[in-house]
Amino acid sequence: QLQASGGGLVQAGGSLRLSCAASERTADRFATGWFRQAPGKEREFVAGIAWSSGYAEYADSVQGRFTISRDNAKNTVYLQMNRLKLEDTAVYYCAASAVARISRSSLNYRSWGQGTQVTVSS
């Protein structure tokens, strides 16, 4: 299981850093992804990172503003979110990939955590 934390209330233009703590077992997966789900919307891919290489992918909507990283020693993945926008408001989830690539489909992920709320205000 993965546990996401670090969410909160922030003004537009501000920053937050989310953390995703994984057990050793889930860290054995190829990659960890961050997804988000706003009220009334489907869960969408935000970013993903491969544990071994550090290769990362981003959704177009966050490219250049968000940075995903990992600390292999701590089995933790981070999502640094800068220049936050109102539309970034959502519950953010992390999950472990069930396939040997960074997939943008939530169907290819397992071990979902409970999520952490990010609210961006004007």
PDB file of N, CA and C in Angstrom:
ATOM      1  N   GLN A   1       0.838  -1.195   0.000  1.00  0.00           N
ATOM      2  CA  GLN A   1       0.000   0.000   0.000  1.00  0.00           C
ATOM      3  C   GLN A   1       0.881   1.255   0.000  1.00  0.00           C
ATOM      4  N   LEU A   2       0.407   2.286  -0.624  1.00  0.00           N
ATOM      5  CA  LEU A   2       1.117   3.555  -0.633  1.00  0.00           C
ATOM      6  C   LEU A   2       0.317   4.579   0.144  1.00  0.00           C
ATOM      7  N   GLN A   3       1.013   5.522   0.730  1.00  0.00           N
ATOM      8  CA  GLN A   3       0.362   6.539   1.533  1.00  0.00           C
ATOM      9  C   GLN A   3       0.780   7.907   1.049  1.00  0.00           C
ATOM     10  N   ALA A   4      -0.177   8.675   0.569  1.00  0.00           N
ATOM     11  CA  ALA A   4       0.088  10.027   0.096  1.00  0.00           C
ATOM     12  C   ALA A   4      -0.129  11.018   1.224  1.00  0.00           C
ATOM     13  N   SER A   5       0.690  12.050   1.259  1.00  0.00           N
ATOM     14  CA  SER A   5       0.555  13.087   2.275  1.00  0.00           C
ATOM     15  C   SER A   5       1.107  14.395   1.732  1.00  0.00           C
ATOM     16  N   GLY A   6       0.855  15.471   2.470  1.00  0.00           N
ATOM     17  CA  GLY A   6       1.415  16.760   2.097  1.00  0.00           C
ATOM     18  C   GLY A   6       0.447  17.736   1.478  1.00  0.00           C
ATOM     19  N   GLY A   7      -0.788  17.326   1.312  1.00  0.00           N
ATOM     20  CA  GLY A   7      -1.766  18.225   0.730  1.00  0.00           C
ATOM     21  C   GLY A   7      -2.142  19.349   1.687  1.00  0.00           C
ATOM     22  N   GLY A   8      -2.918  20.290   1.180  1.00  0.00           N
ATOM     23  CA  GLY A   8      -3.354  21.401   2.009  1.00  0.00           C
ATOM     24  C   GLY A   8      -3.999  22.483   1.188  1.00  0.00           C
ATOM     25  N   LEU A   9      -4.171  23.627   1.828  1.00  0.00           N
ATOM     26  CA  LEU A   9      -4.772  24.797   1.191  1.00  0.00           C
ATOM     27  C   LEU A   9      -3.658  25.781   0.845  1.00  0.00           C
ATOM     28  N   VAL A  10      -3.645  26.223  -0.396  1.00  0.00           N
ATOM     29  CA  VAL A  10      -2.600  27.143  -0.843  1.00  0.00           C
ATOM     30  C   VAL A  10      -3.205  28.142  -1.823  1.00  0.00           C
ATOM     31  N   GLN A  11      -2.658  29.322  -1.857  1.00  0.00           N
ATOM     32  CA  GLN A  11      -3.138  30.331  -2.800  1.00  0.00           C
ATOM     33  C   GLN A  11      -2.585  30.053  -4.192  1.00  0.00           C
ATOM     34  N   ALA A  12      -3.322  30.505  -5.164  1.00  0.00           N
ATOM     35  CA  ALA A  12      -2.861  30.364  -6.546  1.00  0.00           C
ATOM     36  C   ALA A  12      -1.479  30.992  -6.691  1.00  0.00           C
ATOM     37  N   GLY A  13      -0.614  30.292  -7.390  1.00  0.00           N
ATOM     38  CA  GLY A  13       0.760  30.735  -7.558  1.00  0.00           C
ATOM     39  C   GLY A  13       1.709  30.155  -6.527  1.00  0.00           C
ATOM     40  N   GLY A  14       1.157  29.535  -5.503  1.00  0.00           N
ATOM     41  CA  GLY A  14       1.970  28.961  -4.444  1.00  0.00           C
ATOM     42  C   GLY A  14       2.476  27.571  -4.775  1.00  0.00           C
ATOM     43  N   SER A  15       3.081  26.939  -3.777  1.00  0.00           N
ATOM     44  CA  SER A  15       3.706  25.634  -3.960  1.00  0.00           C
ATOM     45  C   SER A  15       3.318  24.668  -2.850  1.00  0.00           C
ATOM     46  N   LEU A  16       3.352  23.405  -3.179  1.00  0.00           N
ATOM     47  CA  LEU A  16       3.180  22.323  -2.206  1.00  0.00           C
ATOM     48  C   LEU A  16       4.061  21.168  -2.640  1.00  0.00           C
ATOM     49  N   ARG A  17       4.468  20.352  -1.678  1.00  0.00           N
ATOM     50  CA  ARG A  17       5.191  19.128  -2.008  1.00  0.00           C
ATOM     51  C   ARG A  17       4.446  17.944  -1.405  1.00  0.00           C
ATOM     52  N   LEU A  18       4.052  17.041  -2.260  1.00  0.00           N
ATOM     53  CA  LEU A  18       3.389  15.822  -1.830  1.00  0.00           C
ATOM     54  C   LEU A  18       4.409  14.702  -1.686  1.00  0.00           C
ATOM     55  N   SER A  19       4.125  13.808  -0.753  1.00  0.00           N
ATOM     56  CA  SER A  19       4.980  12.637  -0.559  1.00  0.00           C
ATOM     57  C   SER A  19       4.151  11.372  -0.707  1.00  0.00           C
ATOM     58  N   CYS A  20       4.794  10.339  -1.210  1.00  0.00           N
ATOM     59  CA  CYS A  20       4.142   9.045  -1.365  1.00  0.00           C
ATOM     60  C   CYS A  20       5.082   7.999  -0.798  1.00  0.00           C
ATOM     61  N   ALA A  21       4.739   7.481   0.366  1.00  0.00           N
ATOM     62  CA  ALA A  21       5.574   6.484   1.025  1.00  0.00           C
ATOM     63  C   ALA A  21       5.123   5.094   0.608  1.00  0.00           C
ATOM     64  N   ALA A  22       6.085   4.293   0.158  1.00  0.00           N
ATOM     65  CA  ALA A  22       5.783   2.951  -0.320  1.00  0.00           C
ATOM     66  C   ALA A  22       6.460   1.916   0.562  1.00  0.00           C
ATOM     67  N   SER A  23       5.833   0.770   0.668  1.00  0.00           N
ATOM     68  CA  SER A  23       6.490  -0.343   1.339  1.00  0.00           C
ATOM     69  C   SER A  23       7.537  -0.908   0.386  1.00  0.00           C
ATOM     70  N   GLU A  24       8.430  -1.732   0.885  1.00  0.00           N
ATOM     71  CA  GLU A  24       9.450  -2.312   0.022  1.00  0.00           C
ATOM     72  C   GLU A  24       8.812  -3.107  -1.106  1.00  0.00           C
ATOM     73  N   ARG A  25       7.697  -3.725  -0.783  1.00  0.00           N
ATOM     74  CA  ARG A  25       7.049  -4.578  -1.781  1.00  0.00           C
ATOM     75  C   ARG A  25       6.533  -3.748  -2.956  1.00  0.00           C
ATOM     76  N   THR A  26       5.900  -2.627  -2.659  1.00  0.00           N
ATOM     77  CA  THR A  26       5.359  -1.803  -3.736  1.00  0.00           C
ATOM     78  C   THR A  26       6.464  -1.051  -4.453  1.00  0.00           C
ATOM     79  N   ALA A  27       7.577  -0.811  -3.747  1.00  0.00           N
ATOM     80  CA  ALA A  27       8.688  -0.133  -4.403  1.00  0.00           C
ATOM     81  C   ALA A  27       9.355  -1.048  -5.415  1.00  0.00           C
ATOM     82  N   ASP A  28       9.053  -2.348  -5.378  1.00  0.00           N
ATOM     83  CA  ASP A  28       9.591  -3.269  -6.366  1.00  0.00           C
ATOM     84  C   ASP A  28       8.906  -3.096  -7.717  1.00  0.00           C
ATOM     85  N   ARG A  29       7.783  -2.403  -7.723  1.00  0.00           N
ATOM     86  CA  ARG A  29       7.114  -2.178  -8.991  1.00  0.00           C
ATOM     87  C   ARG A  29       7.963  -1.276  -9.890  1.00  0.00           C
ATOM     88  N   PHE A  30       7.690  -1.314 -11.173  1.00  0.00           N
ATOM     89  CA  PHE A  30       8.495  -0.556 -12.131  1.00  0.00           C
ATOM     90  C   PHE A  30       8.440   0.946 -11.873  1.00  0.00           C
ATOM     91  N   ALA A  31       7.243   1.439 -11.576  1.00  0.00           N
ATOM     92  CA  ALA A  31       7.091   2.882 -11.460  1.00  0.00           C
ATOM     93  C   ALA A  31       6.015   3.231 -10.447  1.00  0.00           C
ATOM     94  N   THR A  32       6.006   4.470 -10.042  1.00  0.00           N
ATOM     95  CA  THR A  32       4.937   5.020  -9.219  1.00  0.00           C
ATOM     96  C   THR A  32       4.353   6.209  -9.946  1.00  0.00           C
ATOM     97  N   GLY A  33       3.055   6.304  -9.899  1.00  0.00           N
ATOM     98  CA  GLY A  33       2.386   7.406 -10.573  1.00  0.00           C
ATOM     99  C   GLY A  33       1.577   8.249  -9.610  1.00  0.00           C
ATOM    100  N   TRP A  34       1.432   9.506  -9.963  1.00  0.00           N
ATOM    101  CA  TRP A  34       0.526  10.408  -9.267  1.00  0.00           C
ATOM    102  C   TRP A  34      -0.682  10.660 -10.170  1.00  0.00           C
ATOM    103  N   PHE A  35      -1.841  10.577  -9.584  1.00  0.00           N
ATOM    104  CA  PHE A  35      -3.087  10.875 -10.270  1.00  0.00           C
ATOM    105  C   PHE A  35      -3.853  11.884  -9.420  1.00  0.00           C
ATOM    106  N   ARG A  36      -4.842  12.504 -10.009  1.00  0.00           N
ATOM    107  CA  ARG A  36      -5.701  13.396  -9.242  1.00  0.00           C
ATOM    108  C   ARG A  36      -7.135  13.279  -9.728  1.00  0.00           C
ATOM    109  N   GLN A  37      -8.044  13.595  -8.829  1.00  0.00           N
ATOM    110  CA  GLN A  37      -9.456  13.525  -9.166  1.00  0.00           C
ATOM    111  C   GLN A  37     -10.176  14.701  -8.539  1.00  0.00           C
ATOM    112  N   ALA A  38     -10.739  15.537  -9.394  1.00  0.00           N
ATOM    113  CA  ALA A  38     -11.525  16.675  -8.940  1.00  0.00           C
ATOM    114  C   ALA A  38     -12.991  16.251  -8.862  1.00  0.00           C
ATOM    115  N   PRO A  39     -13.795  16.941  -8.082  1.00  0.00           N
ATOM    116  CA  PRO A  39     -15.213  16.581  -7.950  1.00  0.00           C
ATOM    117  C   PRO A  39     -15.914  16.550  -9.302  1.00  0.00           C
ATOM    118  N   GLY A  40     -16.609  15.452  -9.555  1.00  0.00           N
ATOM    119  CA  GLY A  40     -17.362  15.320 -10.794  1.00  0.00           C
ATOM    120  C   GLY A  40     -16.535  14.981 -12.012  1.00  0.00           C
ATOM    121  N   LYS A  41     -15.241  14.760 -11.810  1.00  0.00           N
ATOM    122  CA  LYS A  41     -14.363  14.452 -12.945  1.00  0.00           C
ATOM    123  C   LYS A  41     -13.718  13.089 -12.762  1.00  0.00           C
ATOM    124  N   GLU A  42     -13.207  12.562 -13.866  1.00  0.00           N
ATOM    125  CA  GLU A  42     -12.517  11.283 -13.796  1.00  0.00           C
ATOM    126  C   GLU A  42     -11.109  11.461 -13.230  1.00  0.00           C
ATOM    127  N   ARG A  43     -10.592  10.387 -12.711  1.00  0.00           N
ATOM    128  CA  ARG A  43      -9.218  10.405 -12.214  1.00  0.00           C
ATOM    129  C   ARG A  43      -8.270  10.555 -13.405  1.00  0.00           C
ATOM    130  N   GLU A  44      -7.310  11.456 -13.274  1.00  0.00           N
ATOM    131  CA  GLU A  44      -6.414  11.723 -14.394  1.00  0.00           C
ATOM    132  C   GLU A  44      -4.950  11.601 -13.972  1.00  0.00           C
ATOM    133  N   PHE A  45      -4.145  11.201 -14.926  1.00  0.00           N
ATOM    134  CA  PHE A  45      -2.701  11.061 -14.723  1.00  0.00           C
ATOM    135  C   PHE A  45      -2.068  12.431 -14.544  1.00  0.00           C
ATOM    136  N   VAL A  46      -1.158  12.521 -13.588  1.00  0.00           N
ATOM    137  CA  VAL A  46      -0.418  13.764 -13.358  1.00  0.00           C
ATOM    138  C   VAL A  46       1.051  13.580 -13.721  1.00  0.00           C
ATOM    139  N   ALA A  47       1.678  12.571 -13.134  1.00  0.00           N
ATOM    140  CA  ALA A  47       3.099  12.320 -13.388  1.00  0.00           C
ATOM    141  C   ALA A  47       3.437  10.905 -12.948  1.00  0.00           C
ATOM    142  N   GLY A  48       4.503  10.378 -13.520  1.00  0.00           N
ATOM    143  CA  GLY A  48       4.964   9.056 -13.134  1.00  0.00           C
ATOM    144  C   GLY A  48       6.475   9.002 -13.200  1.00  0.00           C
ATOM    145  N   ILE A  49       7.057   8.136 -12.397  1.00  0.00           N
ATOM    146  CA  ILE A  49       8.504   8.022 -12.375  1.00  0.00           C
ATOM    147  C   ILE A  49       8.903   6.565 -12.223  1.00  0.00           C
ATOM    148  N   ALA A  50       9.934   6.170 -12.965  1.00  0.00           N
ATOM    149  CA  ALA A  50      10.468   4.817 -12.864  1.00  0.00           C
ATOM    150  C   ALA A  50      11.445   4.755 -11.698  1.00  0.00           C
ATOM    151  N   TRP A  51      11.312   3.730 -10.878  1.00  0.00           N
ATOM    152  CA  TRP A  51      12.143   3.637  -9.682  1.00  0.00           C
ATOM    153  C   TRP A  51      13.626   3.503 -10.014  1.00  0.00           C
ATOM    154  N   SER A  52      13.968   2.700 -10.975  1.00  0.00           N
ATOM    155  CA  SER A  52      15.384   2.409 -11.204  1.00  0.00           C
ATOM    156  C   SER A  52      16.092   3.528 -11.957  1.00  0.00           C
ATOM    157  N   SER A  53      15.480   4.026 -13.020  1.00  0.00           N
ATOM    158  CA  SER A  53      16.159   5.006 -13.869  1.00  0.00           C
ATOM    159  C   SER A  53      15.857   6.444 -13.497  1.00  0.00           C
ATOM    160  N   GLY A  54      14.726   6.665 -12.857  1.00  0.00           N
ATOM    161  CA  GLY A  54      14.314   8.031 -12.569  1.00  0.00           C
ATOM    162  C   GLY A  54      13.632   8.716 -13.734  1.00  0.00           C
ATOM    163  N   TYR A  55      13.430   7.974 -14.820  1.00  0.00           N
ATOM    164  CA  TYR A  55      12.735   8.534 -15.985  1.00  0.00           C
ATOM    165  C   TYR A  55      11.331   8.951 -15.566  1.00  0.00           C
ATOM    166  N   ALA A  56      10.920  10.134 -16.002  1.00  0.00           N
ATOM    167  CA  ALA A  56       9.625  10.673 -15.585  1.00  0.00           C
ATOM    168  C   ALA A  56       8.802  11.141 -16.774  1.00  0.00           C
ATOM    169  N   GLU A  57       7.505  11.098 -16.591  1.00  0.00           N
ATOM    170  CA  GLU A  57       6.570  11.633 -17.578  1.00  0.00           C
ATOM    171  C   GLU A  57       5.555  12.513 -16.856  1.00  0.00           C
ATOM    172  N   TYR A  58       5.035  13.495 -17.596  1.00  0.00           N
ATOM    173  CA  TYR A  58       4.094  14.444 -17.021  1.00  0.00           C
ATOM    174  C   TYR A  58       2.901  14.643 -17.938  1.00  0.00           C
ATOM    175  N   ALA A  59       1.778  14.959 -17.316  1.00  0.00           N
ATOM    176  CA  ALA A  59       0.635  15.402 -18.095  1.00  0.00           C
ATOM    177  C   ALA A  59       0.951  16.787 -18.659  1.00  0.00           C
ATOM    178  N   ASP A  60       0.391  17.084 -19.809  1.00  0.00           N
ATOM    179  CA  ASP A  60       0.640  18.388 -20.432  1.00  0.00           C
ATOM    180  C   ASP A  60       0.235  19.534 -19.508  1.00  0.00           C
ATOM    181  N   SER A  61      -0.815  19.323 -18.728  1.00  0.00           N
ATOM    182  CA  SER A  61      -1.350  20.381 -17.887  1.00  0.00           C
ATOM    183  C   SER A  61      -0.428  20.781 -16.743  1.00  0.00           C
ATOM    184  N   VAL A  62       0.543  19.924 -16.413  1.00  0.00           N
ATOM    185  CA  VAL A  62       1.437  20.227 -15.282  1.00  0.00           C
ATOM    186  C   VAL A  62       2.896  20.335 -15.715  1.00  0.00           C
ATOM    187  N   GLN A  63       3.171  20.017 -16.972  1.00  0.00           N
ATOM    188  CA  GLN A  63       4.547  20.074 -17.481  1.00  0.00           C
ATOM    189  C   GLN A  63       5.137  21.458 -17.232  1.00  0.00           C
ATOM    190  N   GLY A  64       6.325  21.477 -16.647  1.00  0.00           N
ATOM    191  CA  GLY A  64       6.989  22.745 -16.382  1.00  0.00           C
ATOM    192  C   GLY A  64       6.637  23.360 -15.039  1.00  0.00           C
ATOM    193  N   ARG A  65       5.611  22.863 -14.392  1.00  0.00           N
ATOM    194  CA  ARG A  65       5.211  23.384 -13.064  1.00  0.00           C
ATOM    195  C   ARG A  65       5.428  22.349 -11.969  1.00  0.00           C
ATOM    196  N   PHE A  66       5.213  21.085 -12.291  1.00  0.00           N
ATOM    197  CA  PHE A  66       5.346  20.009 -11.313  1.00  0.00           C
ATOM    198  C   PHE A  66       6.617  19.209 -11.608  1.00  0.00           C
ATOM    199  N   THR A  67       7.218  18.701 -10.543  1.00  0.00           N
ATOM    200  CA  THR A  67       8.395  17.843 -10.683  1.00  0.00           C
ATOM    201  C   THR A  67       8.229  16.625  -9.799  1.00  0.00           C
ATOM    202  N   ILE A  68       8.373  15.461 -10.403  1.00  0.00           N
ATOM    203  CA  ILE A  68       8.301  14.214  -9.657  1.00  0.00           C
ATOM    204  C   ILE A  68       9.717  13.710  -9.423  1.00  0.00           C
ATOM    205  N   SER A  69       9.958  13.175  -8.238  1.00  0.00           N
ATOM    206  CA  SER A  69      11.282  12.645  -7.909  1.00  0.00           C
ATOM    207  C   SER A  69      11.098  11.468  -6.971  1.00  0.00           C
ATOM    208  N   ARG A  70      12.178  10.712  -6.764  1.00  0.00           N
ATOM    209  CA  ARG A  70      12.077   9.588  -5.849  1.00  0.00           C
ATOM    210  C   ARG A  70      13.346   9.480  -5.015  1.00  0.00           C
ATOM    211  N   ASP A  71      13.166   8.935  -3.817  1.00  0.00           N
ATOM    212  CA  ASP A  71      14.283   8.643  -2.922  1.00  0.00           C
ATOM    213  C   ASP A  71      14.243   7.142  -2.690  1.00  0.00           C
ATOM    214  N   ASN A  72      15.109   6.431  -3.394  1.00  0.00           N
ATOM    215  CA  ASN A  72      15.076   4.971  -3.327  1.00  0.00           C
ATOM    216  C   ASN A  72      15.357   4.460  -1.915  1.00  0.00           C
ATOM    217  N   ALA A  73      16.208   5.121  -1.197  1.00  0.00           N
ATOM    218  CA  ALA A  73      16.555   4.664   0.155  1.00  0.00           C
ATOM    219  C   ALA A  73      15.362   4.754   1.095  1.00  0.00           C
ATOM    220  N   LYS A  74      14.497   5.722   0.838  1.00  0.00           N
ATOM    221  CA  LYS A  74      13.325   5.917   1.700  1.00  0.00           C
ATOM    222  C   LYS A  74      12.062   5.330   1.100  1.00  0.00           C
ATOM    223  N   ASN A  75      12.176   4.733  -0.096  1.00  0.00           N
ATOM    224  CA  ASN A  75      10.985   4.194  -0.787  1.00  0.00           C
ATOM    225  C   ASN A  75       9.888   5.259  -0.868  1.00  0.00           C
ATOM    226  N   THR A  76      10.275   6.458  -1.214  1.00  0.00           N
ATOM    227  CA  THR A  76       9.340   7.577  -1.230  1.00  0.00           C
ATOM    228  C   THR A  76       9.437   8.320  -2.561  1.00  0.00           C
ATOM    229  N   VAL A  77       8.279   8.674  -3.072  1.00  0.00           N
ATOM    230  CA  VAL A  77       8.190   9.479  -4.289  1.00  0.00           C
ATOM    231  C   VAL A  77       7.593  10.828  -3.911  1.00  0.00           C
ATOM    232  N   TYR A  78       8.116  11.870  -4.493  1.00  0.00           N
ATOM    233  CA  TYR A  78       7.660  13.228  -4.190  1.00  0.00           C
ATOM    234  C   TYR A  78       7.049  13.877  -5.433  1.00  0.00           C
ATOM    235  N   LEU A  79       6.146  14.787  -5.195  1.00  0.00           N
ATOM    236  CA  LEU A  79       5.598  15.607  -6.276  1.00  0.00           C
ATOM    237  C   LEU A  79       5.681  17.053  -5.828  1.00  0.00           C
ATOM    238  N   GLN A  80       6.643  17.762  -6.385  1.00  0.00           N
ATOM    239  CA  GLN A  80       6.791  19.191  -6.102  1.00  0.00           C
ATOM    240  C   GLN A  80       5.892  19.957  -7.047  1.00  0.00           C
ATOM    241  N   MET A  81       4.969  20.706  -6.498  1.00  0.00           N
ATOM    242  CA  MET A  81       3.992  21.429  -7.307  1.00  0.00           C
ATOM    243  C   MET A  81       4.205  22.928  -7.131  1.00  0.00           C
ATOM    244  N   ASN A  82       4.596  23.581  -8.194  1.00  0.00           N
ATOM    245  CA  ASN A  82       4.837  25.025  -8.174  1.00  0.00           C
ATOM    246  C   ASN A  82       3.832  25.731  -9.068  1.00  0.00           C
ATOM    247  N   ARG A  83       3.694  27.027  -8.852  1.00  0.00           N
ATOM    248  CA  ARG A  83       2.784  27.865  -9.662  1.00  0.00           C
ATOM    249  C   ARG A  83       1.411  27.212  -9.758  1.00  0.00           C
ATOM    250  N   LEU A  84       0.888  26.859  -8.612  1.00  0.00           N
ATOM    251  CA  LEU A  84      -0.394  26.157  -8.573  1.00  0.00           C
ATOM    252  C   LEU A  84      -1.512  27.032  -9.110  1.00  0.00           C
ATOM    253  N   LYS A  85      -2.448  26.379  -9.765  1.00  0.00           N
ATOM    254  CA  LYS A  85      -3.601  27.042 -10.358  1.00  0.00           C
ATOM    255  C   LYS A  85      -4.877  26.517  -9.704  1.00  0.00           C
ATOM    256  N   LEU A  86      -5.939  27.281  -9.868  1.00  0.00           N
ATOM    257  CA  LEU A  86      -7.232  26.867  -9.296  1.00  0.00           C
ATOM    258  C   LEU A  86      -7.611  25.477  -9.801  1.00  0.00           C
ATOM    259  N   GLU A  87      -7.316  25.219 -11.058  1.00  0.00           N
ATOM    260  CA  GLU A  87      -7.714  23.937 -11.655  1.00  0.00           C
ATOM    261  C   GLU A  87      -6.868  22.759 -11.172  1.00  0.00           C
ATOM    262  N   ASP A  88      -5.868  23.015 -10.348  1.00  0.00           N
ATOM    263  CA  ASP A  88      -5.099  21.924  -9.752  1.00  0.00           C
ATOM    264  C   ASP A  88      -5.789  21.367  -8.509  1.00  0.00           C
ATOM    265  N   THR A  89      -6.861  22.004  -8.088  1.00  0.00           N
ATOM    266  CA  THR A  89      -7.600  21.527  -6.919  1.00  0.00           C
ATOM    267  C   THR A  89      -8.160  20.141  -7.175  1.00  0.00           C
ATOM    268  N   ALA A  90      -7.823  19.203  -6.298  1.00  0.00           N
ATOM    269  CA  ALA A  90      -8.251  17.820  -6.471  1.00  0.00           C
ATOM    270  C   ALA A  90      -7.724  17.001  -5.297  1.00  0.00           C
ATOM    271  N   VAL A  91      -8.199  15.771  -5.222  1.00  0.00           N
ATOM    272  CA  VAL A  91      -7.572  14.787  -4.335  1.00  0.00           C
ATOM    273  C   VAL A  91      -6.476  14.106  -5.146  1.00  0.00           C
ATOM    274  N   TYR A  92      -5.284  14.095  -4.600  1.00  0.00           N
ATOM    275  CA  TYR A  92      -4.136  13.513  -5.287  1.00  0.00           C
ATOM    276  C   TYR A  92      -3.843  12.135  -4.704  1.00  0.00           C
ATOM    277  N   TYR A  93      -3.655  11.179  -5.605  1.00  0.00           N
ATOM    278  CA  TYR A  93      -3.386   9.801  -5.229  1.00  0.00           C
ATOM    279  C   TYR A  93      -2.067   9.346  -5.836  1.00  0.00           C
ATOM    280  N   CYS A  94      -1.406   8.435  -5.147  1.00  0.00           N
ATOM    281  CA  CYS A  94      -0.261   7.771  -5.749  1.00  0.00           C
ATOM    282  C   CYS A  94      -0.564   6.277  -5.806  1.00  0.00           C
ATOM    283  N   ALA A  95       0.067   5.611  -6.753  1.00  0.00           N
ATOM    284  CA  ALA A  95      -0.170   4.189  -6.941  1.00  0.00           C
ATOM    285  C   ALA A  95       1.038   3.559  -7.622  1.00  0.00           C
ATOM    286  N   ALA A  96       1.146   2.244  -7.476  1.00  0.00           N
ATOM    287  CA  ALA A  96       2.263   1.514  -8.070  1.00  0.00           C
ATOM    288  C   ALA A  96       1.844   0.906  -9.399  1.00  0.00           C
ATOM    289  N   SER A  97       2.719   0.976 -10.372  1.00  0.00           N
ATOM    290  CA  SER A  97       2.384   0.461 -11.689  1.00  0.00           C
ATOM    291  C   SER A  97       2.291  -1.055 -11.668  1.00  0.00           C
ATOM    292  N   ALA A  98       1.370  -1.577 -12.463  1.00  0.00           N
ATOM    293  CA  ALA A  98       1.222  -3.023 -12.616  1.00  0.00           C
ATOM    294  C   ALA A  98       1.823  -3.489 -13.942  1.00  0.00           C
ATOM    295  N   VAL A  99       2.389  -2.550 -14.677  1.00  0.00           N
ATOM    296  CA  VAL A  99       3.021  -2.861 -15.950  1.00  0.00           C
ATOM    297  C   VAL A  99       4.430  -2.282 -15.945  1.00  0.00           C
ATOM    298  N   ALA A 100       5.254  -2.780 -16.850  1.00  0.00           N
ATOM    299  CA  ALA A 100       6.658  -2.367 -16.875  1.00  0.00           C
ATOM    300  C   ALA A 100       6.878  -1.130 -17.733  1.00  0.00           C
ATOM    301  N   ARG A 101       6.103  -0.100 -17.436  1.00  0.00           N
ATOM    302  CA  ARG A 101       6.252   1.182 -18.108  1.00  0.00           C
ATOM    303  C   ARG A 101       5.463   2.207 -17.329  1.00  0.00           C
ATOM    304  N   ILE A 102       5.639   3.466 -17.667  1.00  0.00           N
ATOM    305  CA  ILE A 102       4.843   4.511 -17.032  1.00  0.00           C
ATOM    306  C   ILE A 102       3.575   4.652 -17.859  1.00  0.00           C
ATOM    307  N   SER A 103       2.489   4.146 -17.334  1.00  0.00           N
ATOM    308  CA  SER A 103       1.211   4.223 -18.018  1.00  0.00           C
ATOM    309  C   SER A 103       0.443   5.449 -17.545  1.00  0.00           C
ATOM    310  N   ARG A 104      -0.335   6.011 -18.439  1.00  0.00           N
ATOM    311  CA  ARG A 104      -1.187   7.162 -18.082  1.00  0.00           C
ATOM    312  C   ARG A 104      -2.606   6.719 -17.766  1.00  0.00           C
ATOM    313  N   SER A 105      -2.823   5.429 -17.772  1.00  0.00           N
ATOM    314  CA  SER A 105      -4.141   4.889 -17.437  1.00  0.00           C
ATOM    315  C   SER A 105      -4.147   4.373 -16.012  1.00  0.00           C
ATOM    316  N   SER A 106      -5.140   4.811 -15.251  1.00  0.00           N
ATOM    317  CA  SER A 106      -5.245   4.353 -13.865  1.00  0.00           C
ATOM    318  C   SER A 106      -5.503   2.851 -13.790  1.00  0.00           C
ATOM    319  N   LEU A 107      -5.978   2.263 -14.881  1.00  0.00           N
ATOM    320  CA  LEU A 107      -6.258   0.824 -14.883  1.00  0.00           C
ATOM    321  C   LEU A 107      -4.978   0.007 -14.744  1.00  0.00           C
ATOM    322  N   ASN A 108      -3.850   0.607 -15.045  1.00  0.00           N
ATOM    323  CA  ASN A 108      -2.573  -0.094 -14.984  1.00  0.00           C
ATOM    324  C   ASN A 108      -1.824   0.144 -13.683  1.00  0.00           C
ATOM    325  N   TYR A 109      -2.539   0.560 -12.673  1.00  0.00           N
ATOM    326  CA  TYR A 109      -1.915   0.817 -11.374  1.00  0.00           C
ATOM    327  C   TYR A 109      -2.637   0.053 -10.274  1.00  0.00           C
ATOM    328  N   ARG A 110      -1.869  -0.282  -9.230  1.00  0.00           N
ATOM    329  CA  ARG A 110      -2.392  -1.003  -8.074  1.00  0.00           C
ATOM    330  C   ARG A 110      -1.949  -0.294  -6.796  1.00  0.00           C
ATOM    331  N   SER A 111      -2.405  -0.835  -5.690  1.00  0.00           N
ATOM    332  CA  SER A 111      -1.962  -0.378  -4.359  1.00  0.00           C
ATOM    333  C   SER A 111      -2.213   1.111  -4.161  1.00  0.00           C
ATOM    334  N   TRP A 112      -3.396   1.547  -4.481  1.00  0.00           N
ATOM    335  CA  TRP A 112      -3.742   2.948  -4.333  1.00  0.00           C
ATOM    336  C   TRP A 112      -3.792   3.342  -2.864  1.00  0.00           C
ATOM    337  N   GLY A 113      -3.244   4.508  -2.572  1.00  0.00           N
ATOM    338  CA  GLY A 113      -3.348   5.066  -1.234  1.00  0.00           C
ATOM    339  C   GLY A 113      -4.664   5.813  -1.076  1.00  0.00           C
ATOM    340  N   GLN A 114      -4.865   6.408   0.099  1.00  0.00           N
ATOM    341  CA  GLN A 114      -6.124   7.089   0.389  1.00  0.00           C
ATOM    342  C   GLN A 114      -6.230   8.457  -0.270  1.00  0.00           C
ATOM    343  N   GLY A 115      -5.135   9.039  -0.674  1.00  0.00           N
ATOM    344  CA  GLY A 115      -5.189  10.348  -1.306  1.00  0.00           C
ATOM    345  C   GLY A 115      -5.018  11.480  -0.313  1.00  0.00           C
ATOM    346  N   THR A 116      -4.622  12.611  -0.867  1.00  0.00           N
ATOM    347  CA  THR A 116      -4.447  13.810  -0.059  1.00  0.00           C
ATOM    348  C   THR A 116      -5.066  14.990  -0.804  1.00  0.00           C
ATOM    349  N   GLN A 117      -5.812  15.797  -0.089  1.00  0.00           N
ATOM    350  CA  GLN A 117      -6.539  16.900  -0.711  1.00  0.00           C
ATOM    351  C   GLN A 117      -5.632  18.094  -0.951  1.00  0.00           C
ATOM    352  N   VAL A 118      -5.682  18.609  -2.166  1.00  0.00           N
ATOM    353  CA  VAL A 118      -4.993  19.856  -2.509  1.00  0.00           C
ATOM    354  C   VAL A 118      -6.056  20.858  -2.940  1.00  0.00           C
ATOM    355  N   THR A 119      -6.101  21.983  -2.264  1.00  0.00           N
ATOM    356  CA  THR A 119      -7.067  23.020  -2.587  1.00  0.00           C
ATOM    357  C   THR A 119      -6.320  24.315  -2.886  1.00  0.00           C
ATOM    358  N   VAL A 120      -6.537  24.836  -4.077  1.00  0.00           N
ATOM    359  CA  VAL A 120      -5.899  26.076  -4.493  1.00  0.00           C
ATOM    360  C   VAL A 120      -6.955  27.168  -4.505  1.00  0.00           C
ATOM    361  N   SER A 121      -6.701  28.234  -3.758  1.00  0.00           N
ATOM    362  CA  SER A 121      -7.671  29.317  -3.658  1.00  0.00           C
ATOM    363  C   SER A 121      -7.177  30.550  -4.415  1.00  0.00           C
ATOM    364  N   SER A 122      -8.115  31.409  -4.753  1.00  0.00           N
ATOM    365  CA  SER A 122      -7.755  32.636  -5.490  1.00  0.00           C
ATOM    366  C   SER A 122      -7.377  33.762  -4.560  1.00  0.00           C
TER     367      SER A 122
END
